[in-house]
Amino acid sequence: MNIFRKIDEHSDLVNRMADKLDVDLGTEMLDHHISAEGYRTAVMRCTRCDSVEQCKGFLAEGGHADHAPEYCRNKGLLNALVTG
């Protein structure tokens, strides 16, 4: 897979996971709860995930989630933003 396509795919997954948790990453950045560097790190961390298909299935279920799934490489960050 082309590296830029992979980064785009995982950026989308990070954003969709945040949306599922009702976390607005744009607002979190404006409120200084996550930096641009922190977002970039989250996307790059996601690119190393072994559970991409499981994640896509979880996101396809629709609805809201109270916390990121255990397999999510960004669960610490996302769960902190949910409870933040």
C-alpha atoms as a PDB file:
ATOM      1  CA  MET A   1       0.000   0.000   0.000  1.00  0.00           C
ATOM      2  CA  ASN A   2       1.236   3.470  -0.850  1.00  0.00           C
ATOM      3  CA  ILE A   3       2.440   5.245   2.333  1.00  0.00           C
ATOM      4  CA  PHE A   4       0.245   8.292   1.707  1.00  0.00           C
ATOM      5  CA  ARG A   5      -2.811   6.112   1.167  1.00  0.00           C
ATOM      6  CA  LYS A   6      -2.017   4.243   4.388  1.00  0.00           C
ATOM      7  CA  ILE A   7      -1.695   7.491   6.365  1.00  0.00           C
ATOM      8  CA  ASP A   8      -4.980   8.748   4.882  1.00  0.00           C
ATOM      9  CA  GLU A   9      -6.718   5.491   5.802  1.00  0.00           C
ATOM     10  CA  HIS A  10      -5.494   5.583   9.381  1.00  0.00           C
ATOM     11  CA  SER A  11      -6.210   9.283   9.774  1.00  0.00           C
ATOM     12  CA  ASP A  12      -9.777   8.417   8.787  1.00  0.00           C
ATOM     13  CA  LEU A  13      -9.882   5.556  11.320  1.00  0.00           C
ATOM     14  CA  VAL A  14      -8.623   7.807  14.130  1.00  0.00           C
ATOM     15  CA  ASN A  15     -11.211  10.452  13.267  1.00  0.00           C
ATOM     16  CA  ARG A  16     -14.033   7.923  12.979  1.00  0.00           C
ATOM     17  CA  MET A  17     -13.082   6.352  16.322  1.00  0.00           C
ATOM     18  CA  ALA A  18     -13.084   9.803  17.929  1.00  0.00           C
ATOM     19  CA  ASP A  19     -16.500  10.514  16.390  1.00  0.00           C
ATOM     20  CA  LYS A  20     -17.846   7.214  17.739  1.00  0.00           C
ATOM     21  CA  LEU A  21     -16.704   8.321  21.197  1.00  0.00           C
ATOM     22  CA  ASP A  22     -18.255  11.785  20.708  1.00  0.00           C
ATOM     23  CA  VAL A  23     -14.792  13.359  20.816  1.00  0.00           C
ATOM     24  CA  ASP A  24     -14.369  16.382  18.552  1.00  0.00           C
ATOM     25  CA  LEU A  25     -10.654  16.344  17.771  1.00  0.00           C
ATOM     26  CA  GLY A  26     -10.801  19.852  16.284  1.00  0.00           C
ATOM     27  CA  THR A  27     -12.229  21.267  19.499  1.00  0.00           C
ATOM     28  CA  GLU A  28      -9.787  19.222  21.565  1.00  0.00           C
ATOM     29  CA  MET A  29      -6.935  20.778  19.582  1.00  0.00           C
ATOM     30  CA  LEU A  30      -8.339  24.292  19.989  1.00  0.00           C
ATOM     31  CA  ASP A  31      -8.709  23.678  23.740  1.00  0.00           C
ATOM     32  CA  HIS A  32      -5.088  22.434  23.869  1.00  0.00           C
ATOM     33  CA  HIS A  33      -6.048  18.924  25.020  1.00  0.00           C
ATOM     34  CA  ILE A  34      -4.206  17.464  22.025  1.00  0.00           C
ATOM     35  CA  SER A  35      -1.570  19.086  19.847  1.00  0.00           C
ATOM     36  CA  ALA A  36      -1.056  18.701  16.115  1.00  0.00           C
ATOM     37  CA  GLU A  37       1.968  16.583  16.992  1.00  0.00           C
ATOM     38  CA  GLY A  38      -0.176  14.462  19.319  1.00  0.00           C
ATOM     39  CA  TYR A  39      -2.705  13.926  16.526  1.00  0.00           C
ATOM     40  CA  ARG A  40       0.053  12.987  14.093  1.00  0.00           C
ATOM     41  CA  THR A  41       1.466  10.549  16.639  1.00  0.00           C
ATOM     42  CA  ALA A  42      -1.977   8.974  17.062  1.00  0.00           C
ATOM     43  CA  VAL A  43      -2.307   8.481  13.298  1.00  0.00           C
ATOM     44  CA  MET A  44       1.173   6.971  13.050  1.00  0.00           C
ATOM     45  CA  ARG A  45       0.448   4.705  16.046  1.00  0.00           C
ATOM     46  CA  CYS A  46      -2.709   3.570  14.253  1.00  0.00           C
ATOM     47  CA  THR A  47      -0.711   2.645  11.134  1.00  0.00           C
ATOM     48  CA  ARG A  48       1.037  -0.037  13.203  1.00  0.00           C
ATOM     49  CA  CYS A  49      -2.227  -1.636  14.374  1.00  0.00           C
ATOM     50  CA  ASP A  50      -2.783  -5.369  13.902  1.00  0.00           C
ATOM     51  CA  SER A  51      -6.573  -5.068  14.308  1.00  0.00           C
ATOM     52  CA  VAL A  52      -7.536  -2.836  11.382  1.00  0.00           C
ATOM     53  CA  GLU A  53     -10.321  -5.093  10.116  1.00  0.00           C
ATOM     54  CA  GLN A  54     -11.721  -5.511  13.630  1.00  0.00           C
ATOM     55  CA  CYS A  55     -11.616  -1.720  14.025  1.00  0.00           C
ATOM     56  CA  LYS A  56     -13.412  -1.181  10.719  1.00  0.00           C
ATOM     57  CA  GLY A  57     -16.103  -3.635  11.838  1.00  0.00           C
ATOM     58  CA  PHE A  58     -16.488  -1.862  15.177  1.00  0.00           C
ATOM     59  CA  LEU A  59     -16.813   1.503  13.447  1.00  0.00           C
ATOM     60  CA  ALA A  60     -19.284   0.112  10.897  1.00  0.00           C
ATOM     61  CA  GLU A  61     -21.648  -0.944  13.702  1.00  0.00           C
ATOM     62  CA  GLY A  62     -22.669   2.682  14.104  1.00  0.00           C
ATOM     63  CA  GLY A  63     -23.933   4.205  17.282  1.00  0.00           C
ATOM     64  CA  HIS A  64     -21.984   5.604  20.197  1.00  0.00           C
ATOM     65  CA  ALA A  65     -19.317   3.924  22.323  1.00  0.00           C
ATOM     66  CA  ASP A  66     -18.343   4.932  25.849  1.00  0.00           C
ATOM     67  CA  HIS A  67     -14.689   3.983  25.401  1.00  0.00           C
ATOM     68  CA  ALA A  68     -12.241   2.824  22.770  1.00  0.00           C
ATOM     69  CA  PRO A  69     -11.970  -0.940  22.321  1.00  0.00           C
ATOM     70  CA  GLU A  70      -9.176  -2.762  24.128  1.00  0.00           C
ATOM     71  CA  TYR A  71      -7.260  -3.472  20.903  1.00  0.00           C
ATOM     72  CA  CYS A  72      -7.118   0.210  19.897  1.00  0.00           C
ATOM     73  CA  ARG A  73      -3.554   1.509  19.965  1.00  0.00           C
ATOM     74  CA  ASN A  74      -4.944   4.979  20.812  1.00  0.00           C
ATOM     75  CA  LYS A  75      -7.299   3.860  23.582  1.00  0.00           C
ATOM     76  CA  GLY A  76      -5.361   5.737  26.284  1.00  0.00           C
ATOM     77  CA  LEU A  77      -5.479   9.018  24.411  1.00  0.00           C
ATOM     78  CA  LEU A  78      -9.063   8.670  23.227  1.00  0.00           C
ATOM     79  CA  ASN A  79     -10.415   7.472  26.573  1.00  0.00           C
ATOM     80  CA  ALA A  80      -8.668  10.398  28.292  1.00  0.00           C
ATOM     81  CA  LEU A  81     -10.337  12.803  25.859  1.00  0.00           C
ATOM     82  CA  VAL A  82     -13.741  11.181  26.528  1.00  0.00           C
ATOM     83  CA  THR A  83     -13.410  11.653  30.278  1.00  0.00           C
ATOM     84  CA  GLY A  84     -11.384  14.910  29.979  1.00  0.00           C
END
